[in-house]
Amino acid sequence: MKDDSIVGLDIGSTEVRLVVGQRIEQNDGRLQIIGAISSPSEGITKGMVKSIDDTTSSISSLLEKAERLIGLPIGNVYVSVNDPYIKCEKSKGVVAVSKNNGEISQEDVERAIEAARTLSMPPNYEILHVIPIKFTVDNQEDVKDPIGMSGIRLEVEALIVQGMTSQIKNLTKAIYRTGLNIDDLVLSSLALGEAVLSAKQKDLGVAVAGIGASTTTLAVYEEGKLIHAAVIPIGSEHITSDIAIGLRCPINLAERVKIEHGNAVPKNFSGKEEVDITELAREEEVEDDIKIISKKYVAEIIEARAEEIFERIDEQLKKIDRSGLLPAGIVLAGGGAKLAGLIEVAKDKLRLPASVGICRNAEIIFDKVNDSKYLTALGLVIWGNSFMAKRSGKGALRGLGNFLDDANKKIRDIFSRFAP
């Protein structure tokens, strides 16, 4: 793969997705997306690796298709982590300013961040990200960028994102078996935020939710910084299962009903509105006697599960005292976000503005990448481009990437022993 190419690999429970971007140095490091592809996923359940062999096989199959598409071998990837057992804790680090004249340098900032990492953790967890939230220089609080300022004492408050060690090892092992190298492990909700959120939204206060097949990821930003992240073990597959039970039909037919006739707002339909699904049943080779279904009844099934998803999101917002208090609202993405009526339910249950996310931070030359299901993989590419921009000295990282994440380098060192 060319040195200016960046690859994002999003490993989901139903699909593995890969997006390839190219960094154009001659144009101030502008990012151009040149390819996107998906393939069925096996070995992953609710964001967790259940079979290393099946996961490796799914990734290998995707790589073959991707390399034929773009005509180049793929060697390095940025990988999403979708562990439902992630933990977020705040930690503080304090250091003395090293220079005699009291001017704060990048080294001082990095030492403060490193000090914040020294918190007590369960033995089965690893640090995924150390996200600086705010700095204090002597008695001056809420400093965003202390470099160049003068002081004696530098303090940082950071958000420590931790993932379960066993799951990180299993995921990493499956990827290394395909011959790929891992550039970085990135929490999927952070990658999604890089793709769909603007700097203004992050400053005002915003949440982004990625509704996948079996999980819903959440990231919350305020004043430009991540303040909370979570993975909720409920997704759009649960809606499909509810429809299958409610209509007493096979799961494949329930999925078609959800996609083609589903709506999350029952009040949009009268009890008499019905739809003939005979053709759908024939296409899915279902021999049941199901012919006519009530649109209102299907909507009631969907609404119940959609409300549960947003209630669980609201519980996370309550943990950080942001329930109903995010001016920029919530942005929905992922394959499940395309369900009709979901925005109305989100507004009602969360008491926040709501919208469906689109890519804001990369140049898209074909519509396929704008599909919600590719946004996490796209965010990984944007994340990687930001890192390359900082490394080349031609720009600052956007959003979360204002500082080098030493924790990720540590994880790569730990798991490099799994490389073939």
Protein backbone atom coordinates (compact mmCIF):
# COMPACT_ATOMS: atom_id res chain seq x y z
CA MET A 1 0.00 0.00 0.00
CA LYS A 2 1.25 3.49 -0.77
CA ASP A 3 2.57 5.56 2.14
CA ASP A 4 -0.12 8.20 1.57
CA SER A 5 -2.96 5.67 1.82
CA ILE A 6 -4.98 5.18 5.01
CA VAL A 7 -7.27 2.20 5.64
CA GLY A 8 -10.08 1.96 8.21
CA LEU A 9 -11.35 -1.51 9.21
CA ASP A 10 -14.68 -1.63 11.05
CA ILE A 11 -15.47 -5.12 12.37
CA GLY A 12 -19.17 -5.42 13.10
CA SER A 13 -21.41 -8.27 14.21
CA THR A 14 -23.04 -8.71 10.78
CA GLU A 15 -20.60 -7.04 8.38
CA VAL A 16 -16.92 -6.20 8.13
CA ARG A 17 -16.37 -2.87 6.39
CA LEU A 18 -13.25 -1.33 4.95
CA VAL A 19 -12.69 2.22 3.65
CA VAL A 20 -9.52 3.38 1.88
CA GLY A 21 -8.46 7.02 1.80
CA GLN A 22 -5.55 8.81 0.20
CA ARG A 23 -3.72 11.73 1.73
CA ILE A 24 -2.75 14.28 -0.91
CA GLU A 25 0.32 16.07 0.49
CA GLN A 26 0.49 18.46 -2.46
CA ASN A 27 -2.87 19.85 -1.38
CA ASP A 28 -2.16 20.49 2.33
CA GLY A 29 -2.84 16.91 3.28
CA ARG A 30 -6.39 16.86 1.91
CA LEU A 31 -8.06 13.47 2.36
CA GLN A 32 -9.75 11.78 -0.57
CA ILE A 33 -11.73 8.54 -0.20
CA ILE A 34 -10.91 6.11 -2.99
CA GLY A 35 -12.66 2.89 -2.01
CA ALA A 36 -15.23 1.27 0.29
CA ILE A 37 -16.34 -2.33 0.55
CA SER A 38 -18.18 -4.63 2.95
CA SER A 39 -18.43 -8.37 3.49
CA PRO A 40 -20.49 -10.62 5.79
CA SER A 41 -19.04 -11.06 9.26
CA GLU A 42 -18.74 -14.26 11.26
CA GLY A 43 -17.23 -14.91 14.67
CA ILE A 44 -18.39 -11.60 16.19
CA THR A 45 -21.37 -11.33 18.53
CA LYS A 46 -22.41 -8.09 20.24
CA GLY A 47 -19.03 -6.57 19.41
CA MET A 48 -17.08 -9.44 20.97
CA VAL A 49 -14.91 -12.05 19.26
CA LYS A 50 -16.52 -15.48 19.73
CA SER A 51 -14.35 -17.34 17.21
CA ILE A 52 -10.89 -16.16 16.18
CA ASP A 53 -10.82 -18.46 13.15
CA ASP A 54 -14.18 -17.23 11.82
CA THR A 55 -13.22 -13.59 12.43
CA THR A 56 -9.91 -14.07 10.62
CA SER A 57 -11.71 -15.72 7.72
CA SER A 58 -14.19 -12.82 7.46
CA ILE A 59 -11.40 -10.23 7.42
CA SER A 60 -9.37 -12.23 4.86
CA SER A 61 -12.37 -12.47 2.55
CA LEU A 62 -12.91 -8.71 2.79
CA LEU A 63 -9.23 -8.01 2.08
CA GLU A 64 -9.31 -10.08 -1.11
CA LYS A 65 -12.32 -8.13 -2.38
CA ALA A 66 -10.80 -4.79 -1.35
CA GLU A 67 -7.45 -5.44 -3.00
CA ARG A 68 -9.18 -6.37 -6.25
CA LEU A 69 -11.23 -3.18 -6.02
CA ILE A 70 -8.40 -0.71 -5.46
CA GLY A 71 -5.66 -2.67 -7.23
CA LEU A 72 -3.17 -2.33 -4.36
CA PRO A 73 -2.14 -4.63 -1.49
CA ILE A 74 -3.30 -3.58 1.97
CA GLY A 75 -0.77 -3.87 4.80
CA ASN A 76 -1.77 -1.46 7.58
CA VAL A 77 -5.17 -0.65 9.05
CA TYR A 78 -6.82 1.47 11.71
CA VAL A 79 -9.23 -0.81 13.57
CA SER A 80 -12.44 -0.07 15.46
CA VAL A 81 -13.02 -1.50 18.95
CA ASN A 82 -16.64 -2.17 19.86
CA ASP A 83 -16.24 -3.80 23.27
CA PRO A 84 -19.54 -3.61 25.22
CA TYR A 85 -17.54 -3.72 28.47
CA ILE A 86 -15.58 -0.51 27.94
CA LYS A 87 -15.11 1.71 30.98
CA CYS A 88 -14.54 5.46 31.18
CA GLU A 89 -12.90 7.06 34.21
CA LYS A 90 -11.57 10.53 34.84
CA SER A 91 -8.05 10.91 36.17
CA LYS A 92 -5.72 13.80 37.01
CA GLY A 93 -2.02 14.16 36.40
CA VAL A 94 0.19 16.86 37.92
CA VAL A 95 3.77 17.77 36.98
CA ALA A 96 6.19 20.62 37.60
CA VAL A 97 7.09 22.72 34.57
CA SER A 98 10.59 21.69 33.51
CA LYS A 99 12.01 24.89 31.98
CA ASN A 100 13.69 27.44 34.21
CA ASN A 101 11.75 30.29 32.61
CA GLY A 102 8.46 28.53 33.38
CA GLU A 103 7.36 28.13 29.75
CA ILE A 104 5.24 25.01 29.22
CA SER A 105 6.45 22.73 26.45
CA GLN A 106 4.99 19.74 24.60
CA GLU A 107 7.13 17.50 26.81
CA ASP A 108 5.48 18.93 29.93
CA VAL A 109 2.05 18.22 28.47
CA GLU A 110 3.01 14.65 27.60
CA ARG A 111 4.43 14.07 31.10
CA ALA A 112 1.18 15.34 32.63
CA ILE A 113 -0.87 13.04 30.41
CA GLU A 114 1.39 10.13 31.31
CA ALA A 115 0.89 10.92 35.00
CA ALA A 116 -2.88 10.82 34.48
CA ARG A 117 -2.57 7.26 33.15
CA THR A 118 -1.34 5.96 36.51
CA LEU A 119 -4.76 5.11 37.90
CA SER A 120 -5.81 1.89 39.56
CA MET A 121 -7.39 -0.49 37.02
CA PRO A 122 -8.83 -3.98 37.18
CA PRO A 123 -6.24 -6.59 36.12
CA ASN A 124 -8.33 -7.64 33.11
CA TYR A 125 -8.49 -4.17 31.52
CA GLU A 126 -6.15 -2.21 29.24
CA ILE A 127 -6.05 1.50 28.46
CA LEU A 128 -7.36 2.26 24.97
CA HIS A 129 -7.32 6.06 25.01
CA VAL A 130 -6.14 8.88 27.24
CA ILE A 131 -8.19 11.92 26.24
CA PRO A 132 -7.15 15.27 27.77
CA ILE A 133 -10.26 17.22 28.80
CA LYS A 134 -8.80 20.36 30.35
CA PHE A 135 -5.60 21.73 31.86
CA THR A 136 -4.86 23.88 34.89
CA VAL A 137 -1.78 26.12 34.94
CA ASP A 138 -1.05 27.14 38.54
CA ASN A 139 -4.47 28.50 39.58
CA GLN A 140 -5.78 29.21 36.09
CA GLU A 141 -8.41 26.58 35.30
CA ASP A 142 -10.05 25.36 32.08
CA VAL A 143 -7.01 25.94 29.89
CA LYS A 144 -7.45 24.29 26.47
CA ASP A 145 -3.87 24.44 25.18
CA PRO A 146 -1.17 25.24 27.77
CA ILE A 147 1.83 25.03 25.40
CA GLY A 148 3.74 28.31 25.45
CA MET A 149 2.05 29.57 28.62
CA SER A 150 4.09 30.33 31.75
CA GLY A 151 3.64 28.63 35.09
CA ILE A 152 5.15 26.41 37.74
CA ARG A 153 2.57 23.64 38.05
CA LEU A 154 0.71 21.91 35.20
CA GLU A 155 -2.33 19.74 35.86
CA VAL A 156 -4.42 17.79 33.37
CA GLU A 157 -7.83 16.19 33.76
CA ALA A 158 -8.14 13.29 31.33
CA LEU A 159 -10.73 10.70 30.38
CA ILE A 160 -9.26 7.19 30.50
CA VAL A 161 -11.05 4.80 28.15
CA GLN A 162 -10.40 1.15 29.04
CA GLY A 163 -11.21 -2.03 27.18
CA MET A 164 -11.28 -5.65 28.33
CA THR A 165 -7.83 -7.17 27.77
CA SER A 166 -9.11 -10.55 26.58
CA GLN A 167 -11.30 -9.00 23.89
CA ILE A 168 -8.55 -6.68 22.67
CA LYS A 169 -6.14 -9.63 22.47
CA ASN A 170 -8.65 -11.80 20.61
CA LEU A 171 -9.45 -9.06 18.11
CA THR A 172 -5.80 -8.23 17.58
CA LYS A 173 -4.83 -11.87 17.15
CA ALA A 174 -7.52 -12.38 14.49
CA ILE A 175 -6.27 -9.35 12.54
CA TYR A 176 -2.58 -10.30 12.76
CA ARG A 177 -3.39 -13.75 11.40
CA THR A 178 -4.48 -12.15 8.13
CA GLY A 179 -1.02 -10.60 7.74
CA LEU A 180 -2.22 -7.06 8.49
CA ASN A 181 -0.42 -4.61 10.76
CA ILE A 182 -2.45 -2.46 13.15
CA ASP A 183 -1.71 1.27 13.02
CA ASP A 184 -4.10 2.04 15.87
CA LEU A 185 -7.01 0.65 17.87
CA VAL A 186 -9.79 3.24 18.08
CA LEU A 187 -13.05 3.07 20.00
CA SER A 188 -15.75 2.90 17.33
CA SER A 189 -17.80 5.79 18.76
CA LEU A 190 -14.74 8.07 18.63
CA ALA A 191 -14.13 7.18 15.00
CA LEU A 192 -17.79 7.81 14.21
CA GLY A 193 -17.58 11.24 15.86
CA GLU A 194 -14.60 12.14 13.67
CA ALA A 195 -16.69 11.47 10.56
CA VAL A 196 -20.06 13.04 11.37
CA LEU A 197 -19.49 15.83 13.89
CA SER A 198 -18.33 19.37 13.22
CA ALA A 199 -16.03 21.31 15.54
CA LYS A 200 -18.92 23.63 16.43
CA GLN A 201 -21.16 20.73 17.47
CA LYS A 202 -18.40 19.36 19.70
CA ASP A 203 -17.93 22.77 21.31
CA LEU A 204 -21.63 23.27 22.01
CA GLY A 205 -22.22 19.81 23.40
CA VAL A 206 -23.36 16.84 21.31
CA ALA A 207 -23.83 13.07 21.44
CA VAL A 208 -23.29 10.66 18.57
CA ALA A 209 -24.90 7.23 18.56
CA GLY A 210 -23.98 4.45 16.16
CA ILE A 211 -26.88 2.00 15.93
CA GLY A 212 -25.42 -1.24 14.68
CA ALA A 213 -26.86 -4.72 14.38
CA SER A 214 -26.32 -5.87 17.96
CA THR A 215 -24.81 -2.86 19.75
CA THR A 216 -25.31 0.89 19.97
CA THR A 217 -22.20 2.98 20.53
CA LEU A 218 -22.30 6.37 22.23
CA ALA A 219 -19.86 9.26 22.52
CA VAL A 220 -20.57 12.59 24.19
CA TYR A 221 -18.59 15.78 23.54
CA GLU A 222 -18.50 19.18 25.20
CA GLU A 223 -16.17 22.14 24.69
CA GLY A 224 -14.48 20.21 21.91
CA LYS A 225 -13.53 17.24 24.10
CA LEU A 226 -14.87 13.76 24.69
CA ILE A 227 -16.49 13.57 28.13
CA HIS A 228 -18.11 10.12 28.01
CA ALA A 229 -18.32 6.96 25.89
CA ALA A 230 -20.29 3.73 26.17
CA VAL A 231 -21.40 0.66 24.22
CA ILE A 232 -24.99 -0.47 24.75
CA PRO A 233 -25.68 -4.15 23.90
CA ILE A 234 -28.88 -3.46 21.94
CA GLY A 235 -29.14 -2.82 18.20
CA SER A 236 -31.30 -3.12 15.13
CA GLU A 237 -31.18 -6.93 15.15
CA HIS A 238 -33.24 -6.84 18.33
CA ILE A 239 -35.94 -4.95 16.44
CA THR A 240 -35.90 -7.64 13.76
CA SER A 241 -36.22 -10.36 16.39
CA ASP A 242 -39.18 -8.55 17.98
CA ILE A 243 -40.94 -8.36 14.59
CA ALA A 244 -40.27 -12.06 13.98
CA ILE A 245 -41.86 -12.92 17.32
CA GLY A 246 -44.75 -10.49 16.88
CA LEU A 247 -45.62 -11.68 13.36
CA ARG A 248 -44.63 -15.30 14.02
CA CYS A 249 -42.50 -15.29 10.89
CA PRO A 250 -38.90 -16.31 10.01
CA ILE A 251 -36.14 -13.85 10.84
CA ASN A 252 -35.23 -13.17 7.20
CA LEU A 253 -38.79 -12.13 6.38
CA ALA A 254 -38.94 -9.97 9.54
CA GLU A 255 -35.80 -8.14 8.36
CA ARG A 256 -37.42 -7.38 4.99
CA VAL A 257 -40.60 -6.16 6.69
CA LYS A 258 -38.53 -3.88 8.93
CA ILE A 259 -36.57 -2.38 6.05
CA GLU A 260 -39.40 -1.97 3.55
CA HIS A 261 -42.43 -1.32 5.76
CA GLY A 262 -41.03 -0.48 9.19
CA ASN A 263 -41.69 2.76 11.04
CA ALA A 264 -41.05 3.68 14.67
CA VAL A 265 -44.10 5.97 15.04
CA PRO A 266 -47.43 4.06 15.35
CA LYS A 267 -49.51 7.24 15.42
CA ASN A 268 -48.64 7.80 11.76
CA PHE A 269 -50.94 4.90 10.87
CA SER A 270 -54.55 4.02 11.47
CA GLY A 271 -55.49 0.55 12.66
CA LYS A 272 -56.96 -0.20 9.24
CA GLU A 273 -53.77 0.41 7.23
CA GLU A 274 -52.45 -2.92 6.02
CA VAL A 275 -49.82 -4.16 3.61
CA ASP A 276 -49.61 -7.33 1.56
CA ILE A 277 -46.27 -9.10 2.11
CA THR A 278 -47.01 -12.13 -0.09
CA GLU A 279 -44.34 -11.08 -2.60
CA LEU A 280 -41.75 -10.55 0.15
CA ALA A 281 -42.50 -13.99 1.56
CA ARG A 282 -42.08 -15.52 -1.90
CA GLU A 283 -38.74 -13.75 -2.43
CA GLU A 284 -37.51 -14.98 0.96
CA GLU A 285 -38.82 -18.49 0.22
CA VAL A 286 -41.14 -18.43 3.22
CA GLU A 287 -44.06 -20.83 2.94
CA ASP A 288 -46.05 -19.55 5.92
CA ASP A 289 -49.61 -18.30 5.39
CA ILE A 290 -48.60 -14.71 6.27
CA LYS A 291 -50.13 -12.38 3.68
CA ILE A 292 -51.52 -9.24 5.27
CA ILE A 293 -49.96 -7.33 8.18
CA SER A 294 -50.99 -4.20 10.04
CA LYS A 295 -48.60 -1.27 9.61
CA LYS A 296 -49.63 0.12 12.99
CA TYR A 297 -48.93 -3.17 14.74
CA VAL A 298 -45.44 -3.42 13.20
CA ALA A 299 -44.78 0.20 14.17
CA GLU A 300 -45.80 -0.52 17.76
CA ILE A 301 -43.31 -3.40 17.90
CA ILE A 302 -40.53 -1.19 16.52
CA GLU A 303 -41.40 1.74 18.77
CA ALA A 304 -41.09 -0.36 21.93
CA ARG A 305 -37.55 -1.46 21.15
CA ALA A 306 -36.51 1.98 19.81
CA GLU A 307 -37.70 3.57 23.04
CA GLU A 308 -35.61 1.09 25.02
CA ILE A 309 -32.49 2.00 23.02
CA PHE A 310 -32.99 5.71 23.68
CA GLU A 311 -33.84 5.12 27.33
CA ARG A 312 -30.51 3.32 27.70
CA ILE A 313 -28.77 6.23 25.98
CA ASP A 314 -30.51 8.65 28.36
CA GLU A 315 -29.27 6.59 31.31
CA GLN A 316 -25.71 7.17 30.09
CA LEU A 317 -26.39 10.90 29.75
CA LYS A 318 -27.78 11.00 33.28
CA LYS A 319 -24.51 9.51 34.58
CA ILE A 320 -22.71 12.66 33.42
CA ASP A 321 -25.57 15.10 34.16
CA ARG A 322 -26.23 15.84 30.49
CA SER A 323 -29.72 14.38 30.09
CA GLY A 324 -31.65 16.85 27.91
CA LEU A 325 -28.76 19.33 28.17
CA LEU A 326 -26.81 19.00 24.91
CA PRO A 327 -27.49 22.08 22.73
CA ALA A 328 -26.29 20.38 19.53
CA GLY A 329 -28.47 17.35 20.30
CA ILE A 330 -27.76 13.81 19.18
CA VAL A 331 -26.56 12.56 15.79
CA LEU A 332 -27.59 9.04 14.75
CA ALA A 333 -25.52 6.86 12.42
CA GLY A 334 -24.96 3.20 11.64
CA GLY A 335 -27.13 0.83 9.64
CA GLY A 336 -29.98 1.01 12.15
CA ALA A 337 -30.23 4.81 11.92
CA LYS A 338 -31.97 4.56 8.54
CA LEU A 339 -35.18 3.22 10.08
CA ALA A 340 -38.14 5.54 9.39
CA GLY A 341 -39.45 7.47 12.38
CA LEU A 342 -36.39 6.88 14.54
CA ILE A 343 -35.55 10.59 14.69
CA GLU A 344 -38.99 11.40 16.12
CA VAL A 345 -38.59 8.79 18.85
CA ALA A 346 -35.11 10.11 19.70
CA LYS A 347 -36.40 13.68 20.05
CA ASP A 348 -39.26 12.54 22.27
CA LYS A 349 -37.31 10.22 24.61
CA LEU A 350 -34.10 12.26 24.88
CA ARG A 351 -35.67 15.75 24.79
CA LEU A 352 -32.91 16.80 22.41
CA PRO A 353 -32.54 17.86 18.77
CA ALA A 354 -31.85 14.78 16.64
CA SER A 355 -30.59 14.18 13.12
CA VAL A 356 -29.07 11.47 10.91
CA GLY A 357 -25.31 11.82 10.51
CA ILE A 358 -23.51 12.42 7.25
CA CYS A 359 -19.79 12.66 6.51
CA ARG A 360 -18.51 16.17 7.21
CA ASN A 361 -14.75 15.81 7.30
CA ALA A 362 -13.62 14.07 4.10
CA GLU A 363 -13.99 14.48 0.36
CA ILE A 364 -16.34 11.81 -0.95
CA ILE A 365 -16.20 11.10 -4.69
CA PHE A 366 -18.88 8.39 -4.77
CA ASP A 367 -22.16 8.08 -2.92
CA LYS A 368 -21.61 4.60 -1.55
CA VAL A 369 -19.39 5.87 1.28
CA ASN A 370 -22.14 8.21 2.46
CA ASP A 371 -24.16 5.16 3.53
CA SER A 372 -24.51 5.26 7.34
CA LYS A 373 -22.99 1.80 7.71
CA TYR A 374 -19.62 3.00 6.38
CA LEU A 375 -19.29 6.06 8.62
CA THR A 376 -17.31 4.34 11.40
CA ALA A 377 -14.76 2.95 8.92
CA LEU A 378 -14.64 6.38 7.29
CA GLY A 379 -14.02 7.96 10.70
CA LEU A 380 -11.07 5.61 11.20
CA VAL A 381 -9.54 6.93 7.98
CA ILE A 382 -10.08 10.52 9.15
CA TRP A 383 -8.53 9.63 12.51
CA GLY A 384 -5.48 8.20 10.74
CA ASN A 385 -5.21 11.25 8.50
CA SER A 386 -5.23 13.50 11.57
CA PHE A 387 -2.41 11.50 13.12
CA MET A 388 -0.39 11.74 9.91
CA ALA A 389 -1.01 15.48 9.80
CA LYS A 390 0.43 15.91 13.28
CA ARG A 391 3.37 13.64 12.54
CA SER A 392 4.22 15.56 9.37
CA GLY A 393 3.90 18.89 11.18
CA LYS A 394 1.44 20.21 8.60
CA GLY A 395 -1.59 20.52 10.78
CA ALA A 396 -3.10 19.88 14.17
CA LEU A 397 -5.30 16.95 14.92
CA ARG A 398 -8.98 17.72 14.85
CA GLY A 399 -11.25 17.08 17.77
CA LEU A 400 -9.88 14.36 20.00
CA GLY A 401 -6.54 14.17 18.32
CA ASN A 402 -4.95 17.29 19.73
CA PHE A 403 -2.42 15.15 21.57
CA LEU A 404 -0.54 11.98 20.68
CA ASP A 405 -2.23 9.02 22.29
CA ASP A 406 0.64 7.18 23.96
CA ALA A 407 -1.75 4.53 25.24
CA ASN A 408 -2.41 3.29 21.73
CA LYS A 409 1.30 2.92 21.05
CA LYS A 410 1.59 0.85 24.19
CA ILE A 411 -1.20 -1.48 23.06
CA ARG A 412 0.46 -1.98 19.68
CA ASP A 413 3.70 -2.91 21.45
CA ILE A 414 1.90 -5.35 23.75
CA PHE A 415 0.16 -7.19 20.91
CA SER A 416 2.94 -7.08 18.33
CA ARG A 417 4.04 -10.48 19.63
CA PHE A 418 0.96 -11.97 17.95
CA ALA A 419 2.24 -10.97 14.52
CA PRO A 420 3.10 -13.97 12.34
